[in-house]
């Protein structure tokens, strides 16, 4: 039995990592502002303090500030305090303990053809503050000898971002998506949690983490809408129009301090181009993703909420 410290354990990804660690018989320290679902709570504000990790054998760093704030805004400054400065303090506290640092595929350079992204894909030119700060944070983690995981579009029980944002974009029975259908990698939170614990024994470096196969965008969106009881048809907005609308929304948000744009170039980019992660490096370490979007949707109740455990 080992003791696993999970930062951000009250959040979406961190809570799944903490619960899985406990289910596998490990002692769990939930490190963050609020208690996690299991184990002992160690208070820590990732934007300010330094955690006490003296009792941990392994550190899984899930704490992060997420969102798509306007460049140069106070929200971006706050994001940097967590994702970059908080990482530096976390790594210092971890000392020589193994660290698994949860990053994001948002660090990868944008471009029209990302149909098979390996970990050697350029990390630069991120389109939003989240991608930039995660890239800066993971550089610190890699320099410290951590294992860095790069999931994409994490979904699953308790998801506060991906699916809720998708459902909120339905208007009068219509959901507009930018450009033609594309193939996209997604990452079930259960697959990410499993990788976080498996990665403790991997060589330091970056590893893509995603579901077994990529998904067709339009089909996946239709299945999500149907599983949540939303009747809507998918319309395709020409890419130039979508980018123009995103630029206008970003400009408007700059005029309204404290608000995020309703649409961003990053969001358009993530939906309009194939983004498929090559997970061969993680598979070479013996890791295999087992959870799929179909598994998740089958487990939903008729009202779109997660069903009972084991359903």
C-alpha atoms as a PDB file:
ATOM      1  CA  UNK A   1       0.000   0.000   0.000  1.00  0.00           C
ATOM      2  CA  UNK A   2       1.295   3.447  -0.878  1.00  0.00           C
ATOM      3  CA  UNK A   3       0.074   6.935  -0.041  1.00  0.00           C
ATOM      4  CA  UNK A   4      -1.056   8.939  -3.055  1.00  0.00           C
ATOM      5  CA  UNK A   5      -1.388  12.714  -2.803  1.00  0.00           C
ATOM      6  CA  UNK A   6      -3.882  14.027  -5.351  1.00  0.00           C
ATOM      7  CA  UNK A   7      -4.045  17.770  -5.875  1.00  0.00           C
ATOM      8  CA  UNK A   8      -7.361  19.184  -7.006  1.00  0.00           C
ATOM      9  CA  UNK A   9      -9.081  16.112  -5.580  1.00  0.00           C
ATOM     10  CA  UNK A  10     -12.387  17.960  -5.164  1.00  0.00           C
ATOM     11  CA  UNK A  11     -12.448  18.709  -8.898  1.00  0.00           C
ATOM     12  CA  UNK A  12     -13.556  16.675 -11.874  1.00  0.00           C
ATOM     13  CA  UNK A  13     -10.391  14.784 -12.806  1.00  0.00           C
ATOM     14  CA  UNK A  14      -8.833  14.797  -9.348  1.00  0.00           C
ATOM     15  CA  UNK A  15     -11.890  13.279  -7.693  1.00  0.00           C
ATOM     16  CA  UNK A  16     -11.793  10.334 -10.100  1.00  0.00           C
ATOM     17  CA  UNK A  17      -8.070   9.795  -9.490  1.00  0.00           C
ATOM     18  CA  UNK A  18      -8.573   9.897  -5.714  1.00  0.00           C
ATOM     19  CA  UNK A  19     -11.527   7.510  -5.815  1.00  0.00           C
ATOM     20  CA  UNK A  20      -9.700   5.031  -8.057  1.00  0.00           C
ATOM     21  CA  UNK A  21      -6.602   5.133  -5.853  1.00  0.00           C
ATOM     22  CA  UNK A  22      -8.719   4.359  -2.791  1.00  0.00           C
ATOM     23  CA  UNK A  23     -10.545   1.575  -4.632  1.00  0.00           C
ATOM     24  CA  UNK A  24      -7.178  -0.006  -5.384  1.00  0.00           C
ATOM     25  CA  UNK A  25      -6.257  -0.027  -1.718  1.00  0.00           C
ATOM     26  CA  UNK A  26      -4.007   3.017  -1.520  1.00  0.00           C
ATOM     27  CA  UNK A  27      -4.064   5.650   1.195  1.00  0.00           C
ATOM     28  CA  UNK A  28      -5.192   8.952  -0.293  1.00  0.00           C
ATOM     29  CA  UNK A  29      -4.330  12.527   0.622  1.00  0.00           C
ATOM     30  CA  UNK A  30      -6.721  14.993  -1.031  1.00  0.00           C
ATOM     31  CA  UNK A  31      -4.730  18.187  -1.476  1.00  0.00           C
ATOM     32  CA  UNK A  32      -6.684  21.349  -2.232  1.00  0.00           C
ATOM     33  CA  UNK A  33      -9.040  24.011  -0.994  1.00  0.00           C
ATOM     34  CA  UNK A  34     -11.868  21.546  -0.388  1.00  0.00           C
ATOM     35  CA  UNK A  35     -11.997  17.921   0.762  1.00  0.00           C
ATOM     36  CA  UNK A  36     -12.023  15.216  -1.866  1.00  0.00           C
ATOM     37  CA  UNK A  37     -14.362  12.228  -2.116  1.00  0.00           C
ATOM     38  CA  UNK A  38     -12.134   9.911  -0.047  1.00  0.00           C
ATOM     39  CA  UNK A  39      -9.103   9.959   2.204  1.00  0.00           C
ATOM     40  CA  UNK A  40      -7.646  12.756   4.305  1.00  0.00           C
ATOM     41  CA  UNK A  41      -7.873  16.426   3.360  1.00  0.00           C
ATOM     42  CA  UNK A  42      -4.713  18.539   3.239  1.00  0.00           C
ATOM     43  CA  UNK A  43      -5.675  22.195   2.686  1.00  0.00           C
ATOM     44  CA  UNK A  44      -3.776  23.945  -0.116  1.00  0.00           C
ATOM     45  CA  UNK A  45      -4.490  26.962  -2.277  1.00  0.00           C
ATOM     46  CA  UNK A  46      -2.679  26.304  -5.570  1.00  0.00           C
ATOM     47  CA  UNK A  47      -2.691  30.033  -6.314  1.00  0.00           C
ATOM     48  CA  UNK A  48      -0.748  30.991  -3.211  1.00  0.00           C
ATOM     49  CA  UNK A  49       0.639  28.442  -0.767  1.00  0.00           C
ATOM     50  CA  UNK A  50       2.974  25.446  -0.673  1.00  0.00           C
ATOM     51  CA  UNK A  51       1.473  22.048   0.182  1.00  0.00           C
ATOM     52  CA  UNK A  52       2.822  19.732   2.854  1.00  0.00           C
ATOM     53  CA  UNK A  53       3.466  16.447   1.018  1.00  0.00           C
ATOM     54  CA  UNK A  54       5.627  14.856   3.701  1.00  0.00           C
ATOM     55  CA  UNK A  55       3.434  11.750   3.988  1.00  0.00           C
ATOM     56  CA  UNK A  56       3.106  11.032   0.267  1.00  0.00           C
ATOM     57  CA  UNK A  57       4.825   8.325  -1.770  1.00  0.00           C
ATOM     58  CA  UNK A  58       3.368   9.544  -5.090  1.00  0.00           C
ATOM     59  CA  UNK A  59       2.004  12.940  -6.154  1.00  0.00           C
ATOM     60  CA  UNK A  60      -0.635  13.259  -8.874  1.00  0.00           C
ATOM     61  CA  UNK A  61      -1.087  16.901  -9.784  1.00  0.00           C
ATOM     62  CA  UNK A  62      -4.579  17.526 -11.156  1.00  0.00           C
ATOM     63  CA  UNK A  63      -5.184  21.005  -9.713  1.00  0.00           C
ATOM     64  CA  UNK A  64      -5.583  23.545 -12.513  1.00  0.00           C
ATOM     65  CA  UNK A  65      -7.385  26.710 -13.461  1.00  0.00           C
ATOM     66  CA  UNK A  66      -9.457  26.180 -16.604  1.00  0.00           C
ATOM     67  CA  UNK A  67     -11.370  28.436 -18.945  1.00  0.00           C
ATOM     68  CA  UNK A  68     -10.836  30.628 -21.982  1.00  0.00           C
ATOM     69  CA  UNK A  69     -10.206  34.134 -20.621  1.00  0.00           C
ATOM     70  CA  UNK A  70      -9.350  37.194 -22.671  1.00  0.00           C
ATOM     71  CA  UNK A  71      -5.565  37.671 -23.105  1.00  0.00           C
ATOM     72  CA  UNK A  72      -4.141  40.124 -20.597  1.00  0.00           C
ATOM     73  CA  UNK A  73      -7.208  39.951 -18.351  1.00  0.00           C
ATOM     74  CA  UNK A  74      -7.166  39.463 -14.561  1.00  0.00           C
ATOM     75  CA  UNK A  75      -8.570  35.996 -15.200  1.00  0.00           C
ATOM     76  CA  UNK A  76      -5.481  35.091 -17.220  1.00  0.00           C
ATOM     77  CA  UNK A  77      -3.261  36.377 -14.412  1.00  0.00           C
ATOM     78  CA  UNK A  78      -5.169  34.221 -11.933  1.00  0.00           C
ATOM     79  CA  UNK A  79      -4.825  31.228 -14.253  1.00  0.00           C
ATOM     80  CA  UNK A  80      -1.071  31.687 -14.433  1.00  0.00           C
ATOM     81  CA  UNK A  81      -0.859  31.845 -10.633  1.00  0.00           C
ATOM     82  CA  UNK A  82      -2.308  28.320 -10.457  1.00  0.00           C
ATOM     83  CA  UNK A  83      -1.051  26.594 -13.600  1.00  0.00           C
ATOM     84  CA  UNK A  84       2.498  27.963 -13.612  1.00  0.00           C
ATOM     85  CA  UNK A  85       3.393  29.406 -10.209  1.00  0.00           C
ATOM     86  CA  UNK A  86       1.379  26.742  -8.396  1.00  0.00           C
ATOM     87  CA  UNK A  87       3.220  24.062 -10.336  1.00  0.00           C
ATOM     88  CA  UNK A  88       6.575  25.484  -9.257  1.00  0.00           C
ATOM     89  CA  UNK A  89       5.517  25.392  -5.596  1.00  0.00           C
ATOM     90  CA  UNK A  90       4.093  21.883  -5.957  1.00  0.00           C
ATOM     91  CA  UNK A  91       7.287  20.552  -7.514  1.00  0.00           C
ATOM     92  CA  UNK A  92       9.397  22.137  -4.790  1.00  0.00           C
ATOM     93  CA  UNK A  93       7.217  20.529  -2.121  1.00  0.00           C
ATOM     94  CA  UNK A  94       7.341  17.136  -3.848  1.00  0.00           C
ATOM     95  CA  UNK A  95      11.123  16.987  -3.635  1.00  0.00           C
ATOM     96  CA  UNK A  96      12.344  13.630  -4.937  1.00  0.00           C
ATOM     97  CA  UNK A  97       8.914  11.976  -4.844  1.00  0.00           C
ATOM     98  CA  UNK A  98       7.558  10.768  -8.201  1.00  0.00           C
ATOM     99  CA  UNK A  99       5.132  13.271  -9.743  1.00  0.00           C
ATOM    100  CA  UNK A 100       2.474  12.627 -12.378  1.00  0.00           C
ATOM    101  CA  UNK A 101       1.467  16.006 -13.812  1.00  0.00           C
ATOM    102  CA  UNK A 102      -1.805  16.238 -15.734  1.00  0.00           C
ATOM    103  CA  UNK A 103      -1.364  18.552 -18.703  1.00  0.00           C
ATOM    104  CA  UNK A 104      -3.515  18.890 -21.831  1.00  0.00           C
ATOM    105  CA  UNK A 105      -3.359  18.374 -25.573  1.00  0.00           C
ATOM    106  CA  UNK A 106      -4.120  22.110 -25.711  1.00  0.00           C
ATOM    107  CA  UNK A 107      -0.364  22.660 -25.482  1.00  0.00           C
ATOM    108  CA  UNK A 108       0.154  21.388 -29.041  1.00  0.00           C
ATOM    109  CA  UNK A 109       0.682  23.869 -31.861  1.00  0.00           C
ATOM    110  CA  UNK A 110      -2.448  24.470 -33.926  1.00  0.00           C
ATOM    111  CA  UNK A 111      -2.599  23.636 -37.619  1.00  0.00           C
ATOM    112  CA  UNK A 112      -4.886  22.165 -40.258  1.00  0.00           C
ATOM    113  CA  UNK A 113      -3.520  18.593 -40.130  1.00  0.00           C
ATOM    114  CA  UNK A 114      -3.305  17.001 -36.698  1.00  0.00           C
ATOM    115  CA  UNK A 115      -4.597  13.610 -37.748  1.00  0.00           C
ATOM    116  CA  UNK A 116      -1.902  11.735 -35.809  1.00  0.00           C
ATOM    117  CA  UNK A 117      -0.207  13.769 -33.097  1.00  0.00           C
ATOM    118  CA  UNK A 118       2.716  12.215 -31.290  1.00  0.00           C
ATOM    119  CA  UNK A 119       4.383  13.671 -28.218  1.00  0.00           C
ATOM    120  CA  UNK A 120       7.032  15.157 -30.524  1.00  0.00           C
ATOM    121  CA  UNK A 121       4.490  17.505 -32.115  1.00  0.00           C
ATOM    122  CA  UNK A 122       5.576  21.140 -31.545  1.00  0.00           C
ATOM    123  CA  UNK A 123       4.454  22.718 -28.283  1.00  0.00           C
ATOM    124  CA  UNK A 124       4.029  26.394 -29.220  1.00  0.00           C
ATOM    125  CA  UNK A 125       1.619  29.068 -30.494  1.00  0.00           C
ATOM    126  CA  UNK A 126      -1.230  28.061 -28.174  1.00  0.00           C
ATOM    127  CA  UNK A 127      -4.479  29.834 -28.987  1.00  0.00           C
ATOM    128  CA  UNK A 128      -5.584  30.654 -25.448  1.00  0.00           C
ATOM    129  CA  UNK A 129      -4.380  31.321 -21.936  1.00  0.00           C
ATOM    130  CA  UNK A 130      -5.175  27.813 -20.769  1.00  0.00           C
ATOM    131  CA  UNK A 131      -2.950  26.252 -23.414  1.00  0.00           C
ATOM    132  CA  UNK A 132      -0.156  28.743 -22.786  1.00  0.00           C
ATOM    133  CA  UNK A 133      -0.144  28.317 -19.015  1.00  0.00           C
ATOM    134  CA  UNK A 134      -0.378  24.532 -19.212  1.00  0.00           C
ATOM    135  CA  UNK A 135       2.573  24.550 -21.616  1.00  0.00           C
ATOM    136  CA  UNK A 136       4.602  26.673 -19.195  1.00  0.00           C
ATOM    137  CA  UNK A 137       3.628  24.490 -16.264  1.00  0.00           C
ATOM    138  CA  UNK A 138       4.504  21.257 -18.001  1.00  0.00           C
ATOM    139  CA  UNK A 139       7.919  22.628 -18.995  1.00  0.00           C
ATOM    140  CA  UNK A 140       8.635  23.022 -15.293  1.00  0.00           C
ATOM    141  CA  UNK A 141       7.323  19.519 -14.600  1.00  0.00           C
ATOM    142  CA  UNK A 142       9.373  17.923 -17.370  1.00  0.00           C
ATOM    143  CA  UNK A 143      12.513  19.744 -16.229  1.00  0.00           C
ATOM    144  CA  UNK A 144      11.917  18.325 -12.731  1.00  0.00           C
ATOM    145  CA  UNK A 145      11.682  14.762 -14.056  1.00  0.00           C
ATOM    146  CA  UNK A 146       7.913  14.318 -13.812  1.00  0.00           C
ATOM    147  CA  UNK A 147       5.664  12.170 -15.954  1.00  0.00           C
ATOM    148  CA  UNK A 148       3.392  14.513 -17.916  1.00  0.00           C
ATOM    149  CA  UNK A 149       0.057  13.267 -19.282  1.00  0.00           C
ATOM    150  CA  UNK A 150      -1.665  15.025 -22.186  1.00  0.00           C
ATOM    151  CA  UNK A 151      -5.355  14.081 -22.427  1.00  0.00           C
ATOM    152  CA  UNK A 152      -7.789  15.765 -24.808  1.00  0.00           C
ATOM    153  CA  UNK A 153     -11.392  16.831 -24.158  1.00  0.00           C
ATOM    154  CA  UNK A 154     -11.912  14.907 -20.920  1.00  0.00           C
ATOM    155  CA  UNK A 155     -15.504  13.781 -20.340  1.00  0.00           C
ATOM    156  CA  UNK A 156     -17.382  11.541 -17.950  1.00  0.00           C
ATOM    157  CA  UNK A 157     -19.410  11.548 -14.718  1.00  0.00           C
ATOM    158  CA  UNK A 158     -19.299  14.973 -13.104  1.00  0.00           C
ATOM    159  CA  UNK A 159     -17.996  16.746 -16.225  1.00  0.00           C
ATOM    160  CA  UNK A 160     -18.481  20.482 -15.531  1.00  0.00           C
ATOM    161  CA  UNK A 161     -17.193  21.790 -18.865  1.00  0.00           C
ATOM    162  CA  UNK A 162     -17.270  19.801 -22.100  1.00  0.00           C
ATOM    163  CA  UNK A 163     -20.782  18.390 -22.360  1.00  0.00           C
ATOM    164  CA  UNK A 164     -22.521  21.239 -20.479  1.00  0.00           C
ATOM    165  CA  UNK A 165     -20.995  23.764 -22.899  1.00  0.00           C
ATOM    166  CA  UNK A 166     -22.049  21.666 -25.863  1.00  0.00           C
ATOM    167  CA  UNK A 167     -25.631  21.402 -24.625  1.00  0.00           C
ATOM    168  CA  UNK A 168     -25.767  25.138 -23.914  1.00  0.00           C
ATOM    169  CA  UNK A 169     -25.018  25.900 -27.571  1.00  0.00           C
ATOM    170  CA  UNK A 170     -28.260  24.358 -28.817  1.00  0.00           C
ATOM    171  CA  UNK A 171     -30.614  27.082 -30.053  1.00  0.00           C
ATOM    172  CA  UNK A 172     -34.157  26.416 -31.321  1.00  0.00           C
ATOM    173  CA  UNK A 173     -33.341  22.781 -32.046  1.00  0.00           C
ATOM    174  CA  UNK A 174     -30.136  23.614 -33.914  1.00  0.00           C
ATOM    175  CA  UNK A 175     -26.486  23.142 -32.999  1.00  0.00           C
ATOM    176  CA  UNK A 176     -24.012  24.855 -35.317  1.00  0.00           C
ATOM    177  CA  UNK A 177     -20.575  23.283 -35.670  1.00  0.00           C
ATOM    178  CA  UNK A 178     -17.693  24.880 -37.578  1.00  0.00           C
ATOM    179  CA  UNK A 179     -16.680  23.346 -40.896  1.00  0.00           C
ATOM    180  CA  UNK A 180     -17.137  19.775 -42.147  1.00  0.00           C
ATOM    181  CA  UNK A 181     -17.098  16.601 -40.082  1.00  0.00           C
ATOM    182  CA  UNK A 182     -13.689  15.635 -38.631  1.00  0.00           C
ATOM    183  CA  UNK A 183     -12.165  12.929 -36.437  1.00  0.00           C
ATOM    184  CA  UNK A 184     -11.330  13.814 -32.841  1.00  0.00           C
ATOM    185  CA  UNK A 185      -9.689  12.156 -29.876  1.00  0.00           C
ATOM    186  CA  UNK A 186     -11.566  12.304 -26.585  1.00  0.00           C
ATOM    187  CA  UNK A 187     -10.461  11.066 -23.174  1.00  0.00           C
ATOM    188  CA  UNK A 188     -12.819   9.370 -20.733  1.00  0.00           C
ATOM    189  CA  UNK A 189     -12.029  10.556 -17.214  1.00  0.00           C
ATOM    190  CA  UNK A 190     -11.834   6.912 -16.115  1.00  0.00           C
ATOM    191  CA  UNK A 191      -9.066   6.318 -18.685  1.00  0.00           C
ATOM    192  CA  UNK A 192      -7.211   9.379 -17.459  1.00  0.00           C
ATOM    193  CA  UNK A 193      -7.493   8.299 -13.812  1.00  0.00           C
ATOM    194  CA  UNK A 194      -6.188   4.841 -14.662  1.00  0.00           C
ATOM    195  CA  UNK A 195      -3.259   6.372 -16.554  1.00  0.00           C
ATOM    196  CA  UNK A 196      -2.440   8.689 -13.646  1.00  0.00           C
ATOM    197  CA  UNK A 197      -1.886   5.718 -11.345  1.00  0.00           C
ATOM    198  CA  UNK A 198      -0.179   3.538 -13.946  1.00  0.00           C
ATOM    199  CA  UNK A 199       2.213   6.339 -14.907  1.00  0.00           C
ATOM    200  CA  UNK A 200       3.922   6.312 -11.512  1.00  0.00           C
ATOM    201  CA  UNK A 201       6.272   3.673 -12.885  1.00  0.00           C
ATOM    202  CA  UNK A 202       6.845   5.185 -16.332  1.00  0.00           C
ATOM    203  CA  UNK A 203      10.047   6.945 -17.409  1.00  0.00           C
ATOM    204  CA  UNK A 204       9.849  10.746 -17.101  1.00  0.00           C
ATOM    205  CA  UNK A 205       8.474  12.525 -20.146  1.00  0.00           C
ATOM    206  CA  UNK A 206       5.238  13.362 -21.952  1.00  0.00           C
ATOM    207  CA  UNK A 207       2.539  10.832 -22.847  1.00  0.00           C
ATOM    208  CA  UNK A 208      -0.683  11.288 -24.817  1.00  0.00           C
ATOM    209  CA  UNK A 209      -3.765   9.792 -23.155  1.00  0.00           C
ATOM    210  CA  UNK A 210      -6.986   9.156 -25.095  1.00  0.00           C
ATOM    211  CA  UNK A 211      -9.764   6.653 -25.687  1.00  0.00           C
ATOM    212  CA  UNK A 212      -8.981   3.521 -27.745  1.00  0.00           C
ATOM    213  CA  UNK A 213     -10.076   5.084 -31.047  1.00  0.00           C
ATOM    214  CA  UNK A 214     -10.926   8.600 -32.261  1.00  0.00           C
ATOM    215  CA  UNK A 215     -14.531   9.588 -32.920  1.00  0.00           C
ATOM    216  CA  UNK A 216     -16.329  11.153 -35.829  1.00  0.00           C
ATOM    217  CA  UNK A 217     -17.289  14.596 -34.543  1.00  0.00           C
ATOM    218  CA  UNK A 218     -20.841  14.804 -35.834  1.00  0.00           C
ATOM    219  CA  UNK A 219     -21.804  11.265 -34.849  1.00  0.00           C
ATOM    220  CA  UNK A 220     -20.359  11.699 -31.352  1.00  0.00           C
ATOM    221  CA  UNK A 221     -22.232  14.985 -30.888  1.00  0.00           C
ATOM    222  CA  UNK A 222     -25.509  13.413 -32.053  1.00  0.00           C
ATOM    223  CA  UNK A 223     -25.070  10.532 -29.619  1.00  0.00           C
ATOM    224  CA  UNK A 224     -24.363  12.906 -26.729  1.00  0.00           C
ATOM    225  CA  UNK A 225     -27.421  15.007 -27.543  1.00  0.00           C
ATOM    226  CA  UNK A 226     -29.625  11.924 -27.810  1.00  0.00           C
ATOM    227  CA  UNK A 227     -28.347  10.484 -24.522  1.00  0.00           C
ATOM    228  CA  UNK A 228     -29.193  13.770 -22.780  1.00  0.00           C
ATOM    229  CA  UNK A 229     -32.671  13.883 -24.272  1.00  0.00           C
ATOM    230  CA  UNK A 230     -31.923  16.911 -26.464  1.00  0.00           C
ATOM    231  CA  UNK A 231     -33.637  17.010 -29.827  1.00  0.00           C
ATOM    232  CA  UNK A 232     -31.485  19.018 -32.197  1.00  0.00           C
ATOM    233  CA  UNK A 233     -30.090  18.836 -35.673  1.00  0.00           C
ATOM    234  CA  UNK A 234     -26.506  19.687 -36.524  1.00  0.00           C
ATOM    235  CA  UNK A 235     -25.786  22.558 -38.873  1.00  0.00           C
ATOM    236  CA  UNK A 236     -22.377  23.315 -40.337  1.00  0.00           C
ATOM    237  CA  UNK A 237     -21.141  26.876 -40.225  1.00  0.00           C
ATOM    238  CA  UNK A 238     -18.464  27.706 -42.824  1.00  0.00           C
ATOM    239  CA  UNK A 239     -15.113  27.991 -41.127  1.00  0.00           C
ATOM    240  CA  UNK A 240     -14.426  31.619 -42.173  1.00  0.00           C
ATOM    241  CA  UNK A 241     -17.773  32.663 -40.677  1.00  0.00           C
ATOM    242  CA  UNK A 242     -17.076  30.755 -37.466  1.00  0.00           C
ATOM    243  CA  UNK A 243     -13.662  32.393 -37.096  1.00  0.00           C
ATOM    244  CA  UNK A 244     -15.150  35.807 -37.765  1.00  0.00           C
ATOM    245  CA  UNK A 245     -17.795  35.250 -35.103  1.00  0.00           C
ATOM    246  CA  UNK A 246     -15.103  34.122 -32.651  1.00  0.00           C
ATOM    247  CA  UNK A 247     -12.992  37.222 -33.243  1.00  0.00           C
ATOM    248  CA  UNK A 248     -16.055  39.422 -32.735  1.00  0.00           C
ATOM    249  CA  UNK A 249     -16.934  37.613 -29.505  1.00  0.00           C
ATOM    250  CA  UNK A 250     -13.373  37.998 -28.204  1.00  0.00           C
ATOM    251  CA  UNK A 251     -13.396  41.719 -29.019  1.00  0.00           C
ATOM    252  CA  UNK A 252     -16.703  42.159 -27.224  1.00  0.00           C
ATOM    253  CA  UNK A 253     -15.396  40.330 -24.157  1.00  0.00           C
ATOM    254  CA  UNK A 254     -12.451  42.729 -23.943  1.00  0.00           C
ATOM    255  CA  UNK A 255     -14.957  45.527 -23.575  1.00  0.00           C
ATOM    256  CA  UNK A 256     -16.669  43.711 -20.701  1.00  0.00           C
ATOM    257  CA  UNK A 257     -14.053  42.999 -18.025  1.00  0.00           C
ATOM    258  CA  UNK A 258     -14.642  39.846 -16.048  1.00  0.00           C
ATOM    259  CA  UNK A 259     -16.494  37.993 -18.801  1.00  0.00           C
ATOM    260  CA  UNK A 260     -15.321  35.168 -21.064  1.00  0.00           C
ATOM    261  CA  UNK A 261     -16.115  35.207 -24.803  1.00  0.00           C
ATOM    262  CA  UNK A 262     -19.128  33.135 -25.788  1.00  0.00           C
ATOM    263  CA  UNK A 263     -17.031  31.804 -28.690  1.00  0.00           C
ATOM    264  CA  UNK A 264     -13.265  31.775 -29.204  1.00  0.00           C
ATOM    265  CA  UNK A 265     -10.815  30.926 -31.953  1.00  0.00           C
ATOM    266  CA  UNK A 266      -9.544  28.122 -29.742  1.00  0.00           C
ATOM    267  CA  UNK A 267     -13.004  26.551 -29.537  1.00  0.00           C
ATOM    268  CA  UNK A 268     -13.436  26.811 -33.296  1.00  0.00           C
ATOM    269  CA  UNK A 269     -10.003  25.288 -33.870  1.00  0.00           C
ATOM    270  CA  UNK A 270     -10.711  22.338 -31.580  1.00  0.00           C
ATOM    271  CA  UNK A 271     -13.928  21.475 -33.417  1.00  0.00           C
ATOM    272  CA  UNK A 272     -13.052  22.331 -37.008  1.00  0.00           C
ATOM    273  CA  UNK A 273      -9.850  20.299 -37.498  1.00  0.00           C
ATOM    274  CA  UNK A 274      -9.018  16.654 -36.945  1.00  0.00           C
ATOM    275  CA  UNK A 275      -7.097  16.296 -33.691  1.00  0.00           C
ATOM    276  CA  UNK A 276      -6.125  12.674 -33.082  1.00  0.00           C
ATOM    277  CA  UNK A 277      -3.639  11.703 -30.388  1.00  0.00           C
ATOM    278  CA  UNK A 278      -1.198   8.861 -30.960  1.00  0.00           C
ATOM    279  CA  UNK A 279      -1.055   6.963 -27.654  1.00  0.00           C
ATOM    280  CA  UNK A 280       1.623   4.516 -28.743  1.00  0.00           C
ATOM    281  CA  UNK A 281       4.103   5.758 -26.145  1.00  0.00           C
ATOM    282  CA  UNK A 282       1.697   5.001 -23.269  1.00  0.00           C
ATOM    283  CA  UNK A 283       0.757   1.649 -24.827  1.00  0.00           C
ATOM    284  CA  UNK A 284       4.445   0.741 -24.968  1.00  0.00           C
ATOM    285  CA  UNK A 285       4.469   1.051 -21.162  1.00  0.00           C
ATOM    286  CA  UNK A 286       1.624  -1.494 -20.947  1.00  0.00           C
ATOM    287  CA  UNK A 287      -1.267   0.985 -20.601  1.00  0.00           C
ATOM    288  CA  UNK A 288      -4.465   0.415 -22.549  1.00  0.00           C
ATOM    289  CA  UNK A 289      -7.576   2.589 -22.491  1.00  0.00           C
ATOM    290  CA  UNK A 290     -10.704   0.557 -21.763  1.00  0.00           C
ATOM    291  CA  UNK A 291     -13.486   3.147 -21.490  1.00  0.00           C
ATOM    292  CA  UNK A 292     -15.325   4.634 -24.472  1.00  0.00           C
ATOM    293  CA  UNK A 293     -17.922   7.327 -25.075  1.00  0.00           C
ATOM    294  CA  UNK A 294     -20.506   4.607 -25.741  1.00  0.00           C
ATOM    295  CA  UNK A 295     -19.819   3.129 -22.288  1.00  0.00           C
ATOM    296  CA  UNK A 296     -20.386   6.519 -20.689  1.00  0.00           C
ATOM    297  CA  UNK A 297     -23.587   7.245 -22.565  1.00  0.00           C
ATOM    298  CA  UNK A 298     -25.046   3.807 -21.769  1.00  0.00           C
ATOM    299  CA  UNK A 299     -24.523   4.545 -18.073  1.00  0.00           C
ATOM    300  CA  UNK A 300     -26.587   7.729 -18.160  1.00  0.00           C
ATOM    301  CA  UNK A 301     -30.106   7.788 -16.758  1.00  0.00           C
ATOM    302  CA  UNK A 302     -32.934   9.055 -18.964  1.00  0.00           C
ATOM    303  CA  UNK A 303     -32.442  12.562 -17.545  1.00  0.00           C
ATOM    304  CA  UNK A 304     -28.804  12.598 -18.703  1.00  0.00           C
ATOM    305  CA  UNK A 305     -27.243  12.226 -15.260  1.00  0.00           C
ATOM    306  CA  UNK A 306     -24.894   9.393 -14.286  1.00  0.00           C
ATOM    307  CA  UNK A 307     -26.706   6.266 -13.166  1.00  0.00           C
ATOM    308  CA  UNK A 308     -25.966   4.297  -9.999  1.00  0.00           C
ATOM    309  CA  UNK A 309     -22.448   2.954  -9.530  1.00  0.00           C
ATOM    310  CA  UNK A 310     -21.917  -0.151 -11.589  1.00  0.00           C
ATOM    311  CA  UNK A 311     -24.748   0.656 -13.986  1.00  0.00           C
END
